[in-house]
Amino acid sequence: MTHENEKENEKSRESGLWYLIGGVAIGTVLGMLFAPKKGSKLREDIGEWGRKGRDTGRTLMGRLGAMIPFRVKAAAAFGAAKAGGAEAIREAKESLALDGAKK
């Protein structure tokens, strides 16, 4: 299997996972809306579902963060710092050029 095929398979799996998550979420909400419950109880259930989803999302993000190697995180931070530094230098040069033009 070539490297390109592996990337395509990985993208396909990722999109399939997102479709599954979206389908489950939509199905849950629709099921709650059409269930024969009082409005206050339904709002309670939706709030509880949202809190559980938020907690689950935080847990998953924590696990994903732990799976990313430290070097990758460090490289990303370095890239962001480098881009920020380049922007600061560009702005300083522009400011100096404007100050020099005023004199």
Foldseek 3Di string as FASTA:
>chain_A
DDPVVVVVVVVVVVVVVVVVVVVVVVVVVVVLVPDPDDPVVSVVVVVVVVVVVVVVVVVVVVVVVVVDDPVVVVVVVVVVVVVVVVVVVVVVVVVVVVVVVVD
